[in-house]
Amino acid sequence: MRTTIVAAIAVALVACGAPQVSGSDWVTLKGVPAWRYAVHVPANGSGPAPLLLALHGAGGDAQSVARLWGWEKTLSDVIVVAPQAPNRSGTSTWRAGKDEDALLAILDEVRAKYDVDDSRTAIAGYSSGAGMAFRMAVRHPDRFRACVAIGGGRIHGERNIPTSVSFFLLAGERDRGFGPKKAERLAETLRASGVTAEAMTVRGADHITLYSKVAPAAEFLARSFRHGDPAQ
């Protein structure tokens, strides 16, 4: 059911004239055929560009994720890279502790091909992708300036949360899995460790409809790319 709804959103985005994935084709990670990704490249980019590594949820589609973030006007100068998690047990899912190397390899491959500003790189994820994004940001703070977690996210037992990464947690008012209270508690935990963290609630949204409500997160990322500290 969730995959069907995500696919319907992807069709609607294309019908509305959303930016197409670069080349409209998948890119296969060199030497690792099980891993592929989609890239949205700004049409009028000049100079080193910010980069967003965007992760789908369980059963999601990376090309629709690339279009979704590429559609945001506040991120019009941002290269969006959306990896597709390998199909495992009939669905495309992330494996905490086992997929980090592949994601970093994808990031490096894109950096080698495009003019990327390494000081303005962020990661975002939806649902299970949010948990993976959170893990990547905490464990690889040298690679990401900011992290967006939509409808998910948690601390994976890490004792030292990096203060160099800023976090934005987006929750649906009607989300029974990762609702406003859980998002705010996680933000409070981060702030108690000296980390910049915001939590926001999308009124009326449940876990499924939250998928396409990325505008507040895009604004957070735009501030982060401009100033380094999204609170500014």
C-alpha atoms as a PDB file:
ATOM      1  CA  MET A   1       0.000   0.000   0.000  1.00  0.00           C
ATOM      2  CA  ARG A   2       2.769   2.435   0.976  1.00  0.00           C
ATOM      3  CA  THR A   3       4.753   1.709  -2.194  1.00  0.00           C
ATOM      4  CA  THR A   4       1.632   2.296  -4.330  1.00  0.00           C
ATOM      5  CA  ILE A   5       1.041   5.716  -2.790  1.00  0.00           C
ATOM      6  CA  VAL A   6       4.683   6.729  -3.235  1.00  0.00           C
ATOM      7  CA  ALA A   7       4.511   5.676  -6.892  1.00  0.00           C
ATOM      8  CA  ALA A   8       1.364   7.774  -7.369  1.00  0.00           C
ATOM      9  CA  ILE A   9       3.142  10.801  -5.922  1.00  0.00           C
ATOM     10  CA  ALA A  10       6.009  10.270  -8.363  1.00  0.00           C
ATOM     11  CA  VAL A  11       3.606  10.236 -11.340  1.00  0.00           C
ATOM     12  CA  ALA A  12       1.951  13.435 -10.109  1.00  0.00           C
ATOM     13  CA  LEU A  13       5.299  15.191  -9.807  1.00  0.00           C
ATOM     14  CA  VAL A  14       6.205  14.354 -13.398  1.00  0.00           C
ATOM     15  CA  ALA A  15       2.783  15.490 -14.628  1.00  0.00           C
ATOM     16  CA  CYS A  16       3.268  18.838 -12.887  1.00  0.00           C
ATOM     17  CA  GLY A  17       6.542  19.411 -14.726  1.00  0.00           C
ATOM     18  CA  ALA A  18       8.875  18.534 -11.885  1.00  0.00           C
ATOM     19  CA  PRO A  19      12.582  18.428 -12.770  1.00  0.00           C
ATOM     20  CA  GLN A  20      13.629  15.183 -14.397  1.00  0.00           C
ATOM     21  CA  VAL A  21      16.457  13.047 -13.143  1.00  0.00           C
ATOM     22  CA  SER A  22      19.680  13.779 -15.022  1.00  0.00           C
ATOM     23  CA  GLY A  23      19.579  11.666 -18.163  1.00  0.00           C
ATOM     24  CA  SER A  24      16.386   9.986 -16.867  1.00  0.00           C
ATOM     25  CA  ASP A  25      18.539   6.912 -16.270  1.00  0.00           C
ATOM     26  CA  TRP A  26      19.954   5.069 -13.333  1.00  0.00           C
ATOM     27  CA  VAL A  27      23.639   5.386 -12.555  1.00  0.00           C
ATOM     28  CA  THR A  28      25.281   2.180 -11.353  1.00  0.00           C
ATOM     29  CA  LEU A  29      27.970   2.474  -8.706  1.00  0.00           C
ATOM     30  CA  LYS A  30      31.248   1.536 -10.373  1.00  0.00           C
ATOM     31  CA  GLY A  31      32.188  -2.034  -9.571  1.00  0.00           C
ATOM     32  CA  VAL A  32      29.078  -2.638  -7.459  1.00  0.00           C
ATOM     33  CA  PRO A  33      26.130  -3.495  -9.755  1.00  0.00           C
ATOM     34  CA  ALA A  34      23.766  -4.063  -6.834  1.00  0.00           C
ATOM     35  CA  TRP A  35      23.888  -0.338  -6.072  1.00  0.00           C
ATOM     36  CA  ARG A  36      22.425   2.360  -8.317  1.00  0.00           C
ATOM     37  CA  TYR A  37      21.345   5.932  -7.833  1.00  0.00           C
ATOM     38  CA  ALA A  38      19.551   8.855  -9.479  1.00  0.00           C
ATOM     39  CA  VAL A  39      20.948  12.373  -9.802  1.00  0.00           C
ATOM     40  CA  HIS A  40      19.162  15.692 -10.242  1.00  0.00           C
ATOM     41  CA  VAL A  41      21.563  18.377 -11.446  1.00  0.00           C
ATOM     42  CA  PRO A  42      20.607  22.095 -11.421  1.00  0.00           C
ATOM     43  CA  ALA A  43      19.981  23.392 -14.919  1.00  0.00           C
ATOM     44  CA  ASN A  44      21.760  26.705 -14.398  1.00  0.00           C
ATOM     45  CA  GLY A  45      24.361  25.854 -11.808  1.00  0.00           C
ATOM     46  CA  SER A  46      27.621  27.778 -11.724  1.00  0.00           C
ATOM     47  CA  GLY A  47      30.562  27.178  -9.454  1.00  0.00           C
ATOM     48  CA  PRO A  48      30.757  24.544  -6.716  1.00  0.00           C
ATOM     49  CA  ALA A  49      27.220  23.406  -5.808  1.00  0.00           C
ATOM     50  CA  PRO A  50      25.741  22.162  -2.541  1.00  0.00           C
ATOM     51  CA  LEU A  51      24.839  18.474  -2.487  1.00  0.00           C
ATOM     52  CA  LEU A  52      21.972  16.607  -0.833  1.00  0.00           C
ATOM     53  CA  LEU A  53      22.100  12.843  -0.371  1.00  0.00           C
ATOM     54  CA  ALA A  54      18.407  11.862  -0.166  1.00  0.00           C
ATOM     55  CA  LEU A  55      17.267   8.446   1.080  1.00  0.00           C
ATOM     56  CA  HIS A  56      13.898   6.854   0.342  1.00  0.00           C
ATOM     57  CA  GLY A  57      11.776   4.854   2.779  1.00  0.00           C
ATOM     58  CA  ALA A  58      11.211   1.084   2.731  1.00  0.00           C
ATOM     59  CA  GLY A  59       9.996   0.064  -0.716  1.00  0.00           C
ATOM     60  CA  GLY A  60      10.552   3.601  -2.033  1.00  0.00           C
ATOM     61  CA  ASP A  61      11.845   4.793  -5.378  1.00  0.00           C
ATOM     62  CA  ALA A  62      15.013   6.859  -5.627  1.00  0.00           C
ATOM     63  CA  GLN A  63      14.023   8.599  -8.865  1.00  0.00           C
ATOM     64  CA  SER A  64      10.848   9.979  -7.310  1.00  0.00           C
ATOM     65  CA  VAL A  65      12.928  11.150  -4.328  1.00  0.00           C
ATOM     66  CA  ALA A  66      15.369  12.954  -6.631  1.00  0.00           C
ATOM     67  CA  ARG A  67      12.490  14.707  -8.395  1.00  0.00           C
ATOM     68  CA  LEU A  68      10.740  15.555  -5.123  1.00  0.00           C
ATOM     69  CA  TRP A  69      13.723  17.402  -3.662  1.00  0.00           C
ATOM     70  CA  GLY A  70      14.762  18.816  -7.037  1.00  0.00           C
ATOM     71  CA  TRP A  71      11.327  20.459  -7.326  1.00  0.00           C
ATOM     72  CA  GLU A  72      11.930  22.640  -4.258  1.00  0.00           C
ATOM     73  CA  LYS A  73      12.656  26.209  -5.384  1.00  0.00           C
ATOM     74  CA  THR A  74      14.733  26.937  -2.298  1.00  0.00           C
ATOM     75  CA  LEU A  75      17.111  24.163  -3.398  1.00  0.00           C
ATOM     76  CA  SER A  76      17.299  25.162  -7.059  1.00  0.00           C
ATOM     77  CA  ASP A  77      21.115  25.239  -6.993  1.00  0.00           C
ATOM     78  CA  VAL A  78      21.544  21.921  -5.180  1.00  0.00           C
ATOM     79  CA  ILE A  79      22.695  18.621  -6.670  1.00  0.00           C
ATOM     80  CA  VAL A  80      20.349  15.904  -5.382  1.00  0.00           C
ATOM     81  CA  VAL A  81      21.667  12.350  -5.220  1.00  0.00           C
ATOM     82  CA  ALA A  82      19.153   9.605  -4.405  1.00  0.00           C
ATOM     83  CA  PRO A  83      20.538   6.076  -3.928  1.00  0.00           C
ATOM     84  CA  GLN A  84      18.298   3.039  -4.389  1.00  0.00           C
ATOM     85  CA  ALA A  85      18.704   0.511  -1.599  1.00  0.00           C
ATOM     86  CA  PRO A  86      19.181  -3.044  -2.927  1.00  0.00           C
ATOM     87  CA  ASN A  87      16.131  -5.302  -3.055  1.00  0.00           C
ATOM     88  CA  ARG A  88      16.182  -7.474   0.017  1.00  0.00           C
ATOM     89  CA  SER A  89      13.478 -10.041   0.748  1.00  0.00           C
ATOM     90  CA  GLY A  90      11.228  -8.543  -1.896  1.00  0.00           C
ATOM     91  CA  THR A  91      11.609  -4.869  -0.981  1.00  0.00           C
ATOM     92  CA  SER A  92      14.218  -2.125  -1.216  1.00  0.00           C
ATOM     93  CA  THR A  93      15.432  -1.547   2.339  1.00  0.00           C
ATOM     94  CA  TRP A  94      18.375  -0.070   4.242  1.00  0.00           C
ATOM     95  CA  ARG A  95      20.641  -2.085   6.522  1.00  0.00           C
ATOM     96  CA  ALA A  96      22.070  -0.146   9.426  1.00  0.00           C
ATOM     97  CA  GLY A  97      25.733  -0.889   9.898  1.00  0.00           C
ATOM     98  CA  LYS A  98      26.128  -2.478   6.451  1.00  0.00           C
ATOM     99  CA  ASP A  99      25.194   0.173   3.871  1.00  0.00           C
ATOM    100  CA  GLU A 100      27.359   3.074   5.000  1.00  0.00           C
ATOM    101  CA  ASP A 101      30.324   2.209   2.805  1.00  0.00           C
ATOM    102  CA  ALA A 102      28.192   2.000  -0.347  1.00  0.00           C
ATOM    103  CA  LEU A 103      26.503   5.326   0.389  1.00  0.00           C
ATOM    104  CA  LEU A 104      29.854   7.023   0.958  1.00  0.00           C
ATOM    105  CA  ALA A 105      31.171   5.472  -2.271  1.00  0.00           C
ATOM    106  CA  ILE A 106      28.189   6.913  -4.169  1.00  0.00           C
ATOM    107  CA  LEU A 107      28.870  10.294  -2.605  1.00  0.00           C
ATOM    108  CA  ASP A 108      32.516  10.134  -3.672  1.00  0.00           C
ATOM    109  CA  GLU A 109      31.615   9.042  -7.208  1.00  0.00           C
ATOM    110  CA  VAL A 110      29.283  12.030  -7.628  1.00  0.00           C
ATOM    111  CA  ARG A 111      31.879  14.386  -6.161  1.00  0.00           C
ATOM    112  CA  ALA A 112      34.375  13.159  -8.747  1.00  0.00           C
ATOM    113  CA  LYS A 113      31.953  13.811 -11.612  1.00  0.00           C
ATOM    114  CA  TYR A 114      30.370  17.133 -10.605  1.00  0.00           C
ATOM    115  CA  ASP A 115      31.622  20.399  -9.124  1.00  0.00           C
ATOM    116  CA  VAL A 116      30.523  19.866  -5.526  1.00  0.00           C
ATOM    117  CA  ASP A 117      31.107  22.167  -2.572  1.00  0.00           C
ATOM    118  CA  ASP A 118      32.232  19.700   0.092  1.00  0.00           C
ATOM    119  CA  SER A 119      31.546  22.229   2.837  1.00  0.00           C
ATOM    120  CA  ARG A 120      27.849  22.267   1.867  1.00  0.00           C
ATOM    121  CA  THR A 121      26.827  18.624   1.836  1.00  0.00           C
ATOM    122  CA  ALA A 122      23.756  17.349   3.673  1.00  0.00           C
ATOM    123  CA  ILE A 123      21.769  14.138   4.052  1.00  0.00           C
ATOM    124  CA  ALA A 124      18.011  13.608   4.307  1.00  0.00           C
ATOM    125  CA  GLY A 125      15.743  10.608   4.628  1.00  0.00           C
ATOM    126  CA  TYR A 126      12.116   9.592   4.920  1.00  0.00           C
ATOM    127  CA  SER A 127      10.808   6.889   7.279  1.00  0.00           C
ATOM    128  CA  SER A 128      13.427   4.104   7.440  1.00  0.00           C
ATOM    129  CA  GLY A 129      15.588   6.348   5.262  1.00  0.00           C
ATOM    130  CA  ALA A 130      15.401   8.948   8.040  1.00  0.00           C
ATOM    131  CA  GLY A 131      16.895   6.478  10.477  1.00  0.00           C
ATOM    132  CA  MET A 132      19.679   5.712   8.026  1.00  0.00           C
ATOM    133  CA  ALA A 133      20.306   9.419   7.369  1.00  0.00           C
ATOM    134  CA  PHE A 134      20.517  10.044  11.104  1.00  0.00           C
ATOM    135  CA  ARG A 135      23.013   7.231  11.510  1.00  0.00           C
ATOM    136  CA  MET A 136      25.161   8.469   8.629  1.00  0.00           C
ATOM    137  CA  ALA A 137      25.239  12.039   9.945  1.00  0.00           C
ATOM    138  CA  VAL A 138      26.191  10.947  13.462  1.00  0.00           C
ATOM    139  CA  ARG A 139      28.863   8.501  12.349  1.00  0.00           C
ATOM    140  CA  HIS A 140      30.314  10.586   9.513  1.00  0.00           C
ATOM    141  CA  PRO A 141      30.138  14.218  10.653  1.00  0.00           C
ATOM    142  CA  ASP A 142      33.103  15.076   8.439  1.00  0.00           C
ATOM    143  CA  ARG A 143      30.929  14.369   5.371  1.00  0.00           C
ATOM    144  CA  PHE A 144      27.686  16.180   6.259  1.00  0.00           C
ATOM    145  CA  ARG A 145      26.839  19.672   7.450  1.00  0.00           C
ATOM    146  CA  ALA A 146      23.162  19.005   8.106  1.00  0.00           C
ATOM    147  CA  CYS A 147      20.711  16.131   8.487  1.00  0.00           C
ATOM    148  CA  VAL A 148      16.968  16.046   7.813  1.00  0.00           C
ATOM    149  CA  ALA A 149      14.875  13.205   9.248  1.00  0.00           C
ATOM    150  CA  ILE A 150      11.279  13.002   7.992  1.00  0.00           C
ATOM    151  CA  GLY A 151       8.946  10.587   9.757  1.00  0.00           C
ATOM    152  CA  GLY A 152      11.742   8.764  11.557  1.00  0.00           C
ATOM    153  CA  GLY A 153      15.164   8.960  13.143  1.00  0.00           C
ATOM    154  CA  ARG A 154      16.833   7.829  16.330  1.00  0.00           C
ATOM    155  CA  ILE A 155      20.159   7.753  18.105  1.00  0.00           C
ATOM    156  CA  HIS A 156      21.790   4.358  17.547  1.00  0.00           C
ATOM    157  CA  GLY A 157      23.545   4.112  20.903  1.00  0.00           C
ATOM    158  CA  GLU A 158      26.146   6.736  20.061  1.00  0.00           C
ATOM    159  CA  ARG A 159      27.590   8.442  23.119  1.00  0.00           C
ATOM    160  CA  ASN A 160      29.150  11.434  21.394  1.00  0.00           C
ATOM    161  CA  ILE A 161      26.802  13.288  19.073  1.00  0.00           C
ATOM    162  CA  PRO A 162      28.762  15.625  16.744  1.00  0.00           C
ATOM    163  CA  THR A 163      27.979  19.285  17.321  1.00  0.00           C
ATOM    164  CA  SER A 164      29.178  20.171  13.816  1.00  0.00           C
ATOM    165  CA  VAL A 165      26.019  18.689  12.238  1.00  0.00           C
ATOM    166  CA  SER A 166      22.645  20.440  12.484  1.00  0.00           C
ATOM    167  CA  PHE A 167      19.467  18.345  12.608  1.00  0.00           C
ATOM    168  CA  PHE A 168      15.907  18.974  11.435  1.00  0.00           C
ATOM    169  CA  LEU A 169      13.145  16.548  12.445  1.00  0.00           C
ATOM    170  CA  LEU A 170       9.822  16.655  10.598  1.00  0.00           C
ATOM    171  CA  ALA A 171       6.829  14.766  11.974  1.00  0.00           C
ATOM    172  CA  GLY A 172       3.245  14.345  10.847  1.00  0.00           C
ATOM    173  CA  GLU A 173       0.562  15.365  13.334  1.00  0.00           C
ATOM    174  CA  ARG A 174      -1.218  12.041  12.739  1.00  0.00           C
ATOM    175  CA  ASP A 175       1.845   9.841  12.398  1.00  0.00           C
ATOM    176  CA  ARG A 176       1.471   6.985  14.875  1.00  0.00           C
ATOM    177  CA  GLY A 177       5.045   5.770  14.475  1.00  0.00           C
ATOM    178  CA  PHE A 178       7.088   8.978  14.635  1.00  0.00           C
ATOM    179  CA  GLY A 179       4.758  11.692  15.866  1.00  0.00           C
ATOM    180  CA  PRO A 180       5.383  15.210  17.195  1.00  0.00           C
ATOM    181  CA  LYS A 181       6.169  14.115  20.757  1.00  0.00           C
ATOM    182  CA  LYS A 182       8.800  11.629  19.637  1.00  0.00           C
ATOM    183  CA  ALA A 183      10.370  14.179  17.287  1.00  0.00           C
ATOM    184  CA  GLU A 184      10.533  16.829  20.006  1.00  0.00           C
ATOM    185  CA  ARG A 185      12.026  14.396  22.531  1.00  0.00           C
ATOM    186  CA  LEU A 186      14.742  13.491  20.056  1.00  0.00           C
ATOM    187  CA  ALA A 187      15.419  17.175  19.350  1.00  0.00           C
ATOM    188  CA  GLU A 188      15.645  17.858  23.094  1.00  0.00           C
ATOM    189  CA  THR A 189      18.149  15.015  23.490  1.00  0.00           C
ATOM    190  CA  LEU A 190      20.275  16.471  20.725  1.00  0.00           C
ATOM    191  CA  ARG A 191      20.108  20.007  22.137  1.00  0.00           C
ATOM    192  CA  ALA A 192      21.117  18.694  25.557  1.00  0.00           C
ATOM    193  CA  SER A 193      24.332  17.495  23.895  1.00  0.00           C
ATOM    194  CA  GLY A 194      25.012  20.948  22.455  1.00  0.00           C
ATOM    195  CA  VAL A 195      23.706  20.090  18.992  1.00  0.00           C
ATOM    196  CA  THR A 196      21.613  22.475  16.881  1.00  0.00           C
ATOM    197  CA  ALA A 197      18.291  20.685  16.393  1.00  0.00           C
ATOM    198  CA  GLU A 198      14.803  21.710  15.292  1.00  0.00           C
ATOM    199  CA  ALA A 199      11.564  19.737  15.362  1.00  0.00           C
ATOM    200  CA  MET A 200       8.512  20.694  13.322  1.00  0.00           C
ATOM    201  CA  THR A 201       5.037  19.219  12.945  1.00  0.00           C
ATOM    202  CA  VAL A 202       3.033  19.137   9.714  1.00  0.00           C
ATOM    203  CA  ARG A 203      -0.617  19.616  10.617  1.00  0.00           C
ATOM    204  CA  GLY A 204      -3.017  16.946   9.398  1.00  0.00           C
ATOM    205  CA  ALA A 205      -0.254  14.764   7.928  1.00  0.00           C
ATOM    206  CA  ASP A 206       0.060  11.062   8.638  1.00  0.00           C
ATOM    207  CA  HIS A 207       3.100   8.931   7.860  1.00  0.00           C
ATOM    208  CA  ILE A 208       2.209   8.484   4.192  1.00  0.00           C
ATOM    209  CA  THR A 209       1.162  12.033   3.317  1.00  0.00           C
ATOM    210  CA  LEU A 210       4.209  13.422   5.136  1.00  0.00           C
ATOM    211  CA  TYR A 211       6.373  12.030   2.323  1.00  0.00           C
ATOM    212  CA  SER A 212       5.820  14.984  -0.011  1.00  0.00           C
ATOM    213  CA  LYS A 213       5.724  17.729   2.654  1.00  0.00           C
ATOM    214  CA  VAL A 214       9.408  18.571   2.373  1.00  0.00           C
ATOM    215  CA  ALA A 215       9.137  22.360   1.999  1.00  0.00           C
ATOM    216  CA  PRO A 216      10.014  23.177   5.660  1.00  0.00           C
ATOM    217  CA  ALA A 217      12.968  20.788   5.482  1.00  0.00           C
ATOM    218  CA  ALA A 218      14.107  22.364   2.210  1.00  0.00           C
ATOM    219  CA  GLU A 219      14.051  25.798   3.839  1.00  0.00           C
ATOM    220  CA  PHE A 220      16.157  24.461   6.717  1.00  0.00           C
ATOM    221  CA  LEU A 221      18.684  23.050   4.253  1.00  0.00           C
ATOM    222  CA  ALA A 222      18.783  26.284   2.258  1.00  0.00           C
ATOM    223  CA  ARG A 223      19.608  28.221   5.438  1.00  0.00           C
ATOM    224  CA  SER A 224      22.267  25.688   6.326  1.00  0.00           C
ATOM    225  CA  PHE A 225      23.870  25.928   2.898  1.00  0.00           C
ATOM    226  CA  ARG A 226      23.859  29.730   3.054  1.00  0.00           C
ATOM    227  CA  HIS A 227      25.100  30.324   6.566  1.00  0.00           C
ATOM    228  CA  GLY A 228      26.447  27.076   7.978  1.00  0.00           C
ATOM    229  CA  ASP A 229      24.159  27.489  10.984  1.00  0.00           C
ATOM    230  CA  PRO A 230      20.479  27.105   9.911  1.00  0.00           C
ATOM    231  CA  ALA A 231      19.391  29.036  12.984  1.00  0.00           C
ATOM    232  CA  GLN A 232      20.737  32.221  11.382  1.00  0.00           C
END
